Amino acid sequence: MKFKPATINEKKFQELMLYIASRSADDQKFGATKLNKILFYADFQAYLSLGKSITGAEYQRLGNGPAPRELKSLEADLIEKKFAILQEEPVYTLLKV
């Protein structure tokens, strides 16, 4: 028996991204890393409970945690269609000397 990876459901993936972003709008620490981790947790928790993930996304290992391989292209699609706006805000860290 061959392993067949799940096919991503792009619409569900984008809807989940928008839902997470809208729920995290007031979180000053929300950013790409946190989005990736929430997506990963939601998909794998669904897999544990239901036997299949929500989005069917394939995740890759990055330095700050797992990230969906398709994230950048689907994020760009949402921005292009004006469903989302990417806001970049500087984060300052105070150093103790």
PDB file of N, CA and C in Angstrom:
ATOM      1  N   MET A   1       0.843  -1.183   0.000  1.00  0.00           N
ATOM      2  CA  MET A   1       0.000   0.000   0.000  1.00  0.00           C
ATOM      3  C   MET A   1       0.886   1.243   0.000  1.00  0.00           C
ATOM      4  N   LYS A   2       0.637   2.157  -0.922  1.00  0.00           N
ATOM      5  CA  LYS A   2       1.407   3.393  -1.013  1.00  0.00           C
ATOM      6  C   LYS A   2       0.730   4.488  -0.209  1.00  0.00           C
ATOM      7  N   PHE A   3       1.570   5.320   0.377  1.00  0.00           N
ATOM      8  CA  PHE A   3       1.059   6.477   1.114  1.00  0.00           C
ATOM      9  C   PHE A   3       0.725   7.572   0.123  1.00  0.00           C
ATOM     10  N   LYS A   4      -0.504   8.062   0.169  1.00  0.00           N
ATOM     11  CA  LYS A   4      -0.935   9.150  -0.702  1.00  0.00           C
ATOM     12  C   LYS A   4      -1.185  10.379   0.157  1.00  0.00           C
ATOM     13  N   PRO A   5      -0.361  11.433  -0.017  1.00  0.00           N
ATOM     14  CA  PRO A   5      -0.573  12.636   0.793  1.00  0.00           C
ATOM     15  C   PRO A   5      -1.922  13.293   0.486  1.00  0.00           C
ATOM     16  N   ALA A   6      -2.459  13.933   1.495  1.00  0.00           N
ATOM     17  CA  ALA A   6      -3.736  14.634   1.325  1.00  0.00           C
ATOM     18  C   ALA A   6      -3.559  15.814   0.376  1.00  0.00           C
ATOM     19  N   THR A   7      -4.604  16.142  -0.317  1.00  0.00           N
ATOM     20  CA  THR A   7      -4.605  17.303  -1.197  1.00  0.00           C
ATOM     21  C   THR A   7      -5.175  18.477  -0.412  1.00  0.00           C
ATOM     22  N   ILE A   8      -4.496  19.600  -0.523  1.00  0.00           N
ATOM     23  CA  ILE A   8      -4.935  20.774   0.232  1.00  0.00           C
ATOM     24  C   ILE A   8      -6.267  21.300  -0.311  1.00  0.00           C
ATOM     25  N   ASN A   9      -7.130  21.662   0.611  1.00  0.00           N
ATOM     26  CA  ASN A   9      -8.373  22.330   0.270  1.00  0.00           C
ATOM     27  C   ASN A   9      -8.087  23.828   0.410  1.00  0.00           C
ATOM     28  N   GLU A  10      -7.764  24.470  -0.699  1.00  0.00           N
ATOM     29  CA  GLU A  10      -7.318  25.868  -0.675  1.00  0.00           C
ATOM     30  C   GLU A  10      -8.351  26.802  -0.060  1.00  0.00           C
ATOM     31  N   LYS A  11      -9.615  26.571  -0.367  1.00  0.00           N
ATOM     32  CA  LYS A  11     -10.662  27.445   0.164  1.00  0.00           C
ATOM     33  C   LYS A  11     -10.739  27.338   1.690  1.00  0.00           C
ATOM     34  N   LYS A  12     -10.729  26.116   2.210  1.00  0.00           N
ATOM     35  CA  LYS A  12     -10.768  25.937   3.661  1.00  0.00           C
ATOM     36  C   LYS A  12      -9.523  26.522   4.315  1.00  0.00           C
ATOM     37  N   PHE A  13      -8.384  26.334   3.664  1.00  0.00           N
ATOM     38  CA  PHE A  13      -7.131  26.856   4.204  1.00  0.00           C
ATOM     39  C   PHE A  13      -7.189  28.376   4.307  1.00  0.00           C
ATOM     40  N   GLN A  14      -7.632  29.029   3.242  1.00  0.00           N
ATOM     41  CA  GLN A  14      -7.719  30.489   3.247  1.00  0.00           C
ATOM     42  C   GLN A  14      -8.753  30.978   4.254  1.00  0.00           C
ATOM     43  N   GLU A  15      -9.880  30.296   4.359  1.00  0.00           N
ATOM     44  CA  GLU A  15     -10.898  30.684   5.334  1.00  0.00           C
ATOM     45  C   GLU A  15     -10.374  30.538   6.760  1.00  0.00           C
ATOM     46  N   LEU A  16      -9.613  29.478   7.009  1.00  0.00           N
ATOM     47  CA  LEU A  16      -9.032  29.285   8.332  1.00  0.00           C
ATOM     48  C   LEU A  16      -8.000  30.368   8.630  1.00  0.00           C
ATOM     49  N   MET A  17      -7.187  30.731   7.644  1.00  0.00           N
ATOM     50  CA  MET A  17      -6.216  31.820   7.826  1.00  0.00           C
ATOM     51  C   MET A  17      -6.931  33.121   8.188  1.00  0.00           C
ATOM     52  N   LEU A  18      -7.987  33.455   7.452  1.00  0.00           N
ATOM     53  CA  LEU A  18      -8.734  34.688   7.713  1.00  0.00           C
ATOM     54  C   LEU A  18      -9.409  34.660   9.084  1.00  0.00           C
ATOM     55  N   TYR A  19      -9.947  33.500   9.452  1.00  0.00           N
ATOM     56  CA  TYR A  19     -10.595  33.361  10.757  1.00  0.00           C
ATOM     57  C   TYR A  19      -9.586  33.587  11.888  1.00  0.00           C
ATOM     58  N   ILE A  20      -8.434  32.931  11.787  1.00  0.00           N
ATOM     59  CA  ILE A  20      -7.404  33.076  12.818  1.00  0.00           C
ATOM     60  C   ILE A  20      -6.926  34.521  12.890  1.00  0.00           C
ATOM     61  N   ALA A  21      -6.689  35.133  11.748  1.00  0.00           N
ATOM     62  CA  ALA A  21      -6.220  36.529  11.719  1.00  0.00           C
ATOM     63  C   ALA A  21      -7.263  37.467  12.326  1.00  0.00           C
ATOM     64  N   SER A  22      -8.532  37.248  12.020  1.00  0.00           N
ATOM     65  CA  SER A  22      -9.570  38.130  12.571  1.00  0.00           C
ATOM     66  C   SER A  22      -9.700  37.954  14.081  1.00  0.00           C
ATOM     67  N   ARG A  23      -9.567  36.735  14.567  1.00  0.00           N
ATOM     68  CA  ARG A  23      -9.660  36.483  16.001  1.00  0.00           C
ATOM     69  C   ARG A  23      -8.425  36.994  16.756  1.00  0.00           C
ATOM     70  N   SER A  24      -7.324  37.178  16.027  1.00  0.00           N
ATOM     71  CA  SER A  24      -6.071  37.614  16.642  1.00  0.00           C
ATOM     72  C   SER A  24      -5.774  39.086  16.383  1.00  0.00           C
ATOM     73  N   ALA A  25      -6.739  39.816  15.889  1.00  0.00           N
ATOM     74  CA  ALA A  25      -6.529  41.218  15.507  1.00  0.00           C
ATOM     75  C   ALA A  25      -6.025  42.079  16.662  1.00  0.00           C
ATOM     76  N   ASP A  26      -6.442  41.793  17.872  1.00  0.00           N
ATOM     77  CA  ASP A  26      -6.042  42.597  19.026  1.00  0.00           C
ATOM     78  C   ASP A  26      -4.782  42.073  19.723  1.00  0.00           C
ATOM     79  N   ASP A  27      -4.250  40.970  19.238  1.00  0.00           N
ATOM     80  CA  ASP A  27      -3.058  40.358  19.832  1.00  0.00           C
ATOM     81  C   ASP A  27      -1.813  41.030  19.258  1.00  0.00           C
ATOM     82  N   GLN A  28      -1.115  41.804  20.062  1.00  0.00           N
ATOM     83  CA  GLN A  28       0.067  42.519  19.587  1.00  0.00           C
ATOM     84  C   GLN A  28       1.214  41.581  19.229  1.00  0.00           C
ATOM     85  N   LYS A  29       1.192  40.359  19.731  1.00  0.00           N
ATOM     86  CA  LYS A  29       2.249  39.392  19.436  1.00  0.00           C
ATOM     87  C   LYS A  29       1.889  38.469  18.280  1.00  0.00           C
ATOM     88  N   PHE A  30       0.761  38.736  17.628  1.00  0.00           N
ATOM     89  CA  PHE A  30       0.349  37.890  16.498  1.00  0.00           C
ATOM     90  C   PHE A  30       1.168  38.247  15.269  1.00  0.00           C
ATOM     91  N   GLY A  31       1.665  37.219  14.614  1.00  0.00           N
ATOM     92  CA  GLY A  31       2.453  37.406  13.407  1.00  0.00           C
ATOM     93  C   GLY A  31       2.529  36.094  12.639  1.00  0.00           C
ATOM     94  N   ALA A  32       3.444  36.022  11.703  1.00  0.00           N
ATOM     95  CA  ALA A  32       3.562  34.855  10.831  1.00  0.00           C
ATOM     96  C   ALA A  32       3.834  33.574  11.615  1.00  0.00           C
ATOM     97  N   THR A  33       4.740  33.646  12.588  1.00  0.00           N
ATOM     98  CA  THR A  33       5.084  32.447  13.361  1.00  0.00           C
ATOM     99  C   THR A  33       3.888  31.939  14.145  1.00  0.00           C
ATOM    100  N   LYS A  34       3.172  32.845  14.773  1.00  0.00           N
ATOM    101  CA  LYS A  34       2.000  32.446  15.560  1.00  0.00           C
ATOM    102  C   LYS A  34       0.896  31.892  14.654  1.00  0.00           C
ATOM    103  N   LEU A  35       0.701  32.503  13.496  1.00  0.00           N
ATOM    104  CA  LEU A  35      -0.278  32.000  12.530  1.00  0.00           C
ATOM    105  C   LEU A  35       0.083  30.582  12.115  1.00  0.00           C
ATOM    106  N   ASN A  36       1.353  30.358  11.784  1.00  0.00           N
ATOM    107  CA  ASN A  36       1.795  29.024  11.377  1.00  0.00           C
ATOM    108  C   ASN A  36       1.541  27.984  12.458  1.00  0.00           C
ATOM    109  N   LYS A  37       1.832  28.343  13.698  1.00  0.00           N
ATOM    110  CA  LYS A  37       1.663  27.398  14.803  1.00  0.00           C
ATOM    111  C   LYS A  37       0.182  27.099  15.068  1.00  0.00           C
ATOM    112  N   ILE A  38      -0.664  28.109  14.957  1.00  0.00           N
ATOM    113  CA  ILE A  38      -2.105  27.889  15.164  1.00  0.00           C
ATOM    114  C   ILE A  38      -2.672  27.015  14.050  1.00  0.00           C
ATOM    115  N   LEU A  39      -2.267  27.277  12.799  1.00  0.00           N
ATOM    116  CA  LEU A  39      -2.710  26.436  11.683  1.00  0.00           C
ATOM    117  C   LEU A  39      -2.289  24.984  11.891  1.00  0.00           C
ATOM    118  N   PHE A  40      -1.031  24.789  12.284  1.00  0.00           N
ATOM    119  CA  PHE A  40      -0.505  23.448  12.536  1.00  0.00           C
ATOM    120  C   PHE A  40      -1.301  22.757  13.638  1.00  0.00           C
ATOM    121  N   TYR A  41      -1.495  23.457  14.757  1.00  0.00           N
ATOM    122  CA  TYR A  41      -2.213  22.881  15.884  1.00  0.00           C
ATOM    123  C   TYR A  41      -3.653  22.517  15.498  1.00  0.00           C
ATOM    124  N   ALA A  42      -4.326  23.401  14.782  1.00  0.00           N
ATOM    125  CA  ALA A  42      -5.716  23.140  14.376  1.00  0.00           C
ATOM    126  C   ALA A  42      -5.794  21.915  13.473  1.00  0.00           C
ATOM    127  N   ASP A  43      -4.900  21.843  12.479  1.00  0.00           N
ATOM    128  CA  ASP A  43      -4.905  20.700  11.558  1.00  0.00           C
ATOM    129  C   ASP A  43      -4.595  19.391  12.269  1.00  0.00           C
ATOM    130  N   PHE A  44      -3.593  19.390  13.124  1.00  0.00           N
ATOM    131  CA  PHE A  44      -3.198  18.145  13.772  1.00  0.00           C
ATOM    132  C   PHE A  44      -4.132  17.751  14.898  1.00  0.00           C
ATOM    133  N   GLN A  45      -4.754  18.705  15.542  1.00  0.00           N
ATOM    134  CA  GLN A  45      -5.761  18.366  16.550  1.00  0.00           C
ATOM    135  C   GLN A  45      -6.980  17.739  15.857  1.00  0.00           C
ATOM    136  N   ALA A  46      -7.359  18.291  14.710  1.00  0.00           N
ATOM    137  CA  ALA A  46      -8.465  17.710  13.936  1.00  0.00           C
ATOM    138  C   ALA A  46      -8.101  16.306  13.474  1.00  0.00           C
ATOM    139  N   TYR A  47      -6.857  16.115  13.066  1.00  0.00           N
ATOM    140  CA  TYR A  47      -6.417  14.783  12.622  1.00  0.00           C
ATOM    141  C   TYR A  47      -6.514  13.773  13.761  1.00  0.00           C
ATOM    142  N   LEU A  48      -6.114  14.194  14.963  1.00  0.00           N
ATOM    143  CA  LEU A  48      -6.211  13.301  16.116  1.00  0.00           C
ATOM    144  C   LEU A  48      -7.657  12.961  16.450  1.00  0.00           C
ATOM    145  N   SER A  49      -8.530  13.951  16.368  1.00  0.00           N
ATOM    146  CA  SER A  49      -9.934  13.757  16.740  1.00  0.00           C
ATOM    147  C   SER A  49     -10.771  13.113  15.640  1.00  0.00           C
ATOM    148  N   LEU A  50     -10.553  13.551  14.394  1.00  0.00           N
ATOM    149  CA  LEU A  50     -11.432  13.154  13.293  1.00  0.00           C
ATOM    150  C   LEU A  50     -10.796  12.174  12.307  1.00  0.00           C
ATOM    151  N   GLY A  51      -9.479  12.033  12.383  1.00  0.00           N
ATOM    152  CA  GLY A  51      -8.793  11.148  11.438  1.00  0.00           C
ATOM    153  C   GLY A  51      -8.385  11.840  10.152  1.00  0.00           C
ATOM    154  N   LYS A  52      -8.663  13.134  10.036  1.00  0.00           N
ATOM    155  CA  LYS A  52      -8.218  13.909   8.876  1.00  0.00           C
ATOM    156  C   LYS A  52      -8.064  15.364   9.295  1.00  0.00           C
ATOM    157  N   SER A  53      -7.163  16.063   8.594  1.00  0.00           N
ATOM    158  CA  SER A  53      -6.934  17.466   8.946  1.00  0.00           C
ATOM    159  C   SER A  53      -8.035  18.342   8.372  1.00  0.00           C
ATOM    160  N   ILE A  54      -8.084  19.573   8.809  1.00  0.00           N
ATOM    161  CA  ILE A  54      -9.085  20.519   8.319  1.00  0.00           C
ATOM    162  C   ILE A  54      -8.768  20.932   6.884  1.00  0.00           C
ATOM    163  N   THR A  55      -7.504  21.267   6.642  1.00  0.00           N
ATOM    164  CA  THR A  55      -7.127  21.861   5.361  1.00  0.00           C
ATOM    165  C   THR A  55      -6.450  20.910   4.388  1.00  0.00           C
ATOM    166  N   GLY A  56      -5.840  19.848   4.893  1.00  0.00           N
ATOM    167  CA  GLY A  56      -5.080  18.950   4.027  1.00  0.00           C
ATOM    168  C   GLY A  56      -3.707  19.506   3.669  1.00  0.00           C
ATOM    169  N   ALA A  57      -3.292  20.566   4.344  1.00  0.00           N
ATOM    170  CA  ALA A  57      -2.008  21.204   4.050  1.00  0.00           C
ATOM    171  C   ALA A  57      -0.856  20.303   4.461  1.00  0.00           C
ATOM    172  N   GLU A  58       0.246  20.434   3.740  1.00  0.00           N
ATOM    173  CA  GLU A  58       1.478  19.730   4.077  1.00  0.00           C
ATOM    174  C   GLU A  58       2.361  20.729   4.822  1.00  0.00           C
ATOM    175  N   TYR A  59       2.893  20.307   5.965  1.00  0.00           N
ATOM    176  CA  TYR A  59       3.706  21.195   6.796  1.00  0.00           C
ATOM    177  C   TYR A  59       5.186  20.879   6.648  1.00  0.00           C
ATOM    178  N   GLN A  60       5.987  21.930   6.780  1.00  0.00           N
ATOM    179  CA  GLN A  60       7.433  21.775   6.723  1.00  0.00           C
ATOM    180  C   GLN A  60       8.046  22.283   8.022  1.00  0.00           C
ATOM    181  N   ARG A  61       9.201  21.769   8.331  1.00  0.00           N
ATOM    182  CA  ARG A  61       9.889  22.172   9.550  1.00  0.00           C
ATOM    183  C   ARG A  61      10.746  23.403   9.267  1.00  0.00           C
ATOM    184  N   LEU A  62      10.513  24.458  10.036  1.00  0.00           N
ATOM    185  CA  LEU A  62      11.303  25.679   9.929  1.00  0.00           C
ATOM    186  C   LEU A  62      11.935  25.981  11.287  1.00  0.00           C
ATOM    187  N   GLY A  63      12.808  26.949  11.332  1.00  0.00           N
ATOM    188  CA  GLY A  63      13.507  27.297  12.559  1.00  0.00           C
ATOM    189  C   GLY A  63      12.611  27.691  13.721  1.00  0.00           C
ATOM    190  N   ASN A  64      11.509  28.376  13.447  1.00  0.00           N
ATOM    191  CA  ASN A  64      10.598  28.821  14.508  1.00  0.00           C
ATOM    192  C   ASN A  64       9.381  27.925  14.673  1.00  0.00           C
ATOM    193  N   GLY A  65       9.380  26.774  14.029  1.00  0.00           N
ATOM    194  CA  GLY A  65       8.260  25.850  14.153  1.00  0.00           C
ATOM    195  C   GLY A  65       7.716  25.455  12.796  1.00  0.00           C
ATOM    196  N   PRO A  66       6.683  24.620  12.788  1.00  0.00           N
ATOM    197  CA  PRO A  66       6.119  24.130  11.525  1.00  0.00           C
ATOM    198  C   PRO A  66       5.390  25.229  10.765  1.00  0.00           C
ATOM    199  N   ALA A  67       5.405  25.080   9.435  1.00  0.00           N
ATOM    200  CA  ALA A  67       4.703  26.039   8.577  1.00  0.00           C
ATOM    201  C   ALA A  67       4.140  25.307   7.371  1.00  0.00           C
ATOM    202  N   PRO A  68       2.946  25.692   6.940  1.00  0.00           N
ATOM    203  CA  PRO A  68       2.363  25.073   5.748  1.00  0.00           C
ATOM    204  C   PRO A  68       3.166  25.461   4.505  1.00  0.00           C
ATOM    205  N   ARG A  69       3.433  24.502   3.647  1.00  0.00           N
ATOM    206  CA  ARG A  69       4.199  24.771   2.429  1.00  0.00           C
ATOM    207  C   ARG A  69       3.474  25.763   1.512  1.00  0.00           C
ATOM    208  N   GLU A  70       2.171  25.726   1.493  1.00  0.00           N
ATOM    209  CA  GLU A  70       1.374  26.535   0.570  1.00  0.00           C
ATOM    210  C   GLU A  70       1.031  27.914   1.101  1.00  0.00           C
ATOM    211  N   LEU A  71       1.491  28.239   2.297  1.00  0.00           N
ATOM    212  CA  LEU A  71       1.081  29.480   2.966  1.00  0.00           C
ATOM    213  C   LEU A  71       1.320  30.721   2.121  1.00  0.00           C
ATOM    214  N   LYS A  72       2.535  30.903   1.626  1.00  0.00           N
ATOM    215  CA  LYS A  72       2.888  32.138   0.912  1.00  0.00           C
ATOM    216  C   LYS A  72       2.029  32.360  -0.331  1.00  0.00           C
ATOM    217  N   SER A  73       1.826  31.314  -1.123  1.00  0.00           N
ATOM    218  CA  SER A  73       1.047  31.488  -2.361  1.00  0.00           C
ATOM    219  C   SER A  73      -0.424  31.759  -2.061  1.00  0.00           C
ATOM    220  N   LEU A  74      -0.978  31.085  -1.055  1.00  0.00           N
ATOM    221  CA  LEU A  74      -2.388  31.305  -0.719  1.00  0.00           C
ATOM    222  C   LEU A  74      -2.586  32.642  -0.009  1.00  0.00           C
ATOM    223  N   GLU A  75      -1.598  33.061   0.762  1.00  0.00           N
ATOM    224  CA  GLU A  75      -1.635  34.389   1.388  1.00  0.00           C
ATOM    225  C   GLU A  75      -1.589  35.479   0.313  1.00  0.00           C
ATOM    226  N   ALA A  76      -0.713  35.306  -0.664  1.00  0.00           N
ATOM    227  CA  ALA A  76      -0.603  36.277  -1.763  1.00  0.00           C
ATOM    228  C   ALA A  76      -1.912  36.359  -2.550  1.00  0.00           C
ATOM    229  N   ASP A  77      -2.575  35.226  -2.718  1.00  0.00           N
ATOM    230  CA  ASP A  77      -3.861  35.196  -3.429  1.00  0.00           C
ATOM    231  C   ASP A  77      -4.913  35.998  -2.659  1.00  0.00           C
ATOM    232  N   LEU A  78      -4.960  35.841  -1.331  1.00  0.00           N
ATOM    233  CA  LEU A  78      -5.914  36.593  -0.512  1.00  0.00           C
ATOM    234  C   LEU A  78      -5.652  38.092  -0.596  1.00  0.00           C
ATOM    235  N   ILE A  79      -4.385  38.476  -0.589  1.00  0.00           N
ATOM    236  CA  ILE A  79      -4.016  39.890  -0.669  1.00  0.00           C
ATOM    237  C   ILE A  79      -4.362  40.449  -2.047  1.00  0.00           C
ATOM    238  N   GLU A  80      -4.065  39.688  -3.086  1.00  0.00           N
ATOM    239  CA  GLU A  80      -4.350  40.125  -4.456  1.00  0.00           C
ATOM    240  C   GLU A  80      -5.849  40.330  -4.678  1.00  0.00           C
ATOM    241  N   LYS A  81      -6.670  39.447  -4.096  1.00  0.00           N
ATOM    242  CA  LYS A  81      -8.120  39.549  -4.248  1.00  0.00           C
ATOM    243  C   LYS A  81      -8.743  40.531  -3.253  1.00  0.00           C
ATOM    244  N   LYS A  82      -7.883  41.183  -2.460  1.00  0.00           N
ATOM    245  CA  LYS A  82      -8.305  42.190  -1.476  1.00  0.00           C
ATOM    246  C   LYS A  82      -9.167  41.624  -0.345  1.00  0.00           C
ATOM    247  N   PHE A  83      -8.983  40.327  -0.031  1.00  0.00           N
ATOM    248  CA  PHE A  83      -9.656  39.724   1.118  1.00  0.00           C
ATOM    249  C   PHE A  83      -8.842  39.937   2.394  1.00  0.00           C
ATOM    250  N   ALA A  84      -7.552  40.260   2.217  1.00  0.00           N
ATOM    251  CA  ALA A  84      -6.664  40.445   3.363  1.00  0.00           C
ATOM    252  C   ALA A  84      -5.656  41.554   3.062  1.00  0.00           C
ATOM    253  N   ILE A  85      -5.150  42.115   4.129  1.00  0.00           N
ATOM    254  CA  ILE A  85      -4.096  43.129   4.038  1.00  0.00           C
ATOM    255  C   ILE A  85      -2.965  42.661   4.943  1.00  0.00           C
ATOM    256  N   LEU A  86      -1.769  42.685   4.426  1.00  0.00           N
ATOM    257  CA  LEU A  86      -0.609  42.310   5.225  1.00  0.00           C
ATOM    258  C   LEU A  86      -0.078  43.563   5.911  1.00  0.00           C
ATOM    259  N   GLN A  87      -0.143  43.563   7.239  1.00  0.00           N
ATOM    260  CA  GLN A  87       0.319  44.702   8.024  1.00  0.00           C
ATOM    261  C   GLN A  87       1.648  44.346   8.655  1.00  0.00           C
ATOM    262  N   GLU A  88       2.651  45.138   8.376  1.00  0.00           N
ATOM    263  CA  GLU A  88       3.955  44.920   8.998  1.00  0.00           C
ATOM    264  C   GLU A  88       4.186  46.012  10.014  1.00  0.00           C
ATOM    265  N   GLU A  89       4.404  45.599  11.242  1.00  0.00           N
ATOM    266  CA  GLU A  89       4.634  46.550  12.318  1.00  0.00           C
ATOM    267  C   GLU A  89       5.932  46.176  13.015  1.00  0.00           C
ATOM    268  N   PRO A  90       6.750  47.174  13.326  1.00  0.00           N
ATOM    269  CA  PRO A  90       8.023  46.879  13.995  1.00  0.00           C
ATOM    270  C   PRO A  90       7.773  46.383  15.419  1.00  0.00           C
ATOM    271  N   VAL A  91       8.604  45.467  15.845  1.00  0.00           N
ATOM    272  CA  VAL A  91       8.545  44.942  17.205  1.00  0.00           C
ATOM    273  C   VAL A  91       9.851  45.315  17.873  1.00  0.00           C
ATOM    274  N   TYR A  92       9.747  45.935  19.019  1.00  0.00           N
ATOM    275  CA  TYR A  92      10.935  46.383  19.746  1.00  0.00           C
ATOM    276  C   TYR A  92      11.153  45.504  20.964  1.00  0.00           C
ATOM    277  N   THR A  93      12.397  45.174  21.192  1.00  0.00           N
ATOM    278  CA  THR A  93      12.769  44.406  22.362  1.00  0.00           C
ATOM    279  C   THR A  93      13.724  45.244  23.196  1.00  0.00           C
ATOM    280  N   LEU A  94      13.423  45.356  24.453  1.00  0.00           N
ATOM    281  CA  LEU A  94      14.309  46.095  25.348  1.00  0.00           C
ATOM    282  C   LEU A  94      15.415  45.157  25.822  1.00  0.00           C
ATOM    283  N   LEU A  95      16.627  45.618  25.703  1.00  0.00           N
ATOM    284  CA  LEU A  95      17.774  44.831  26.145  1.00  0.00           C
ATOM    285  C   LEU A  95      18.177  45.270  27.541  1.00  0.00           C
ATOM    286  N   LYS A  96      18.431  44.301  28.405  1.00  0.00           N
ATOM    287  CA  LYS A  96      18.912  44.625  29.758  1.00  0.00           C
ATOM    288  C   LYS A  96      20.421  44.625  29.727  1.00  0.00           C
ATOM    289  N   VAL A  97      20.992  45.693  30.221  1.00  0.00           N
ATOM    290  CA  VAL A  97      22.458  45.813  30.236  1.00  0.00           C
ATOM    291  C   VAL A  97      23.006  45.689  31.622  1.00  0.00           C
TER     292      VAL A  97
END
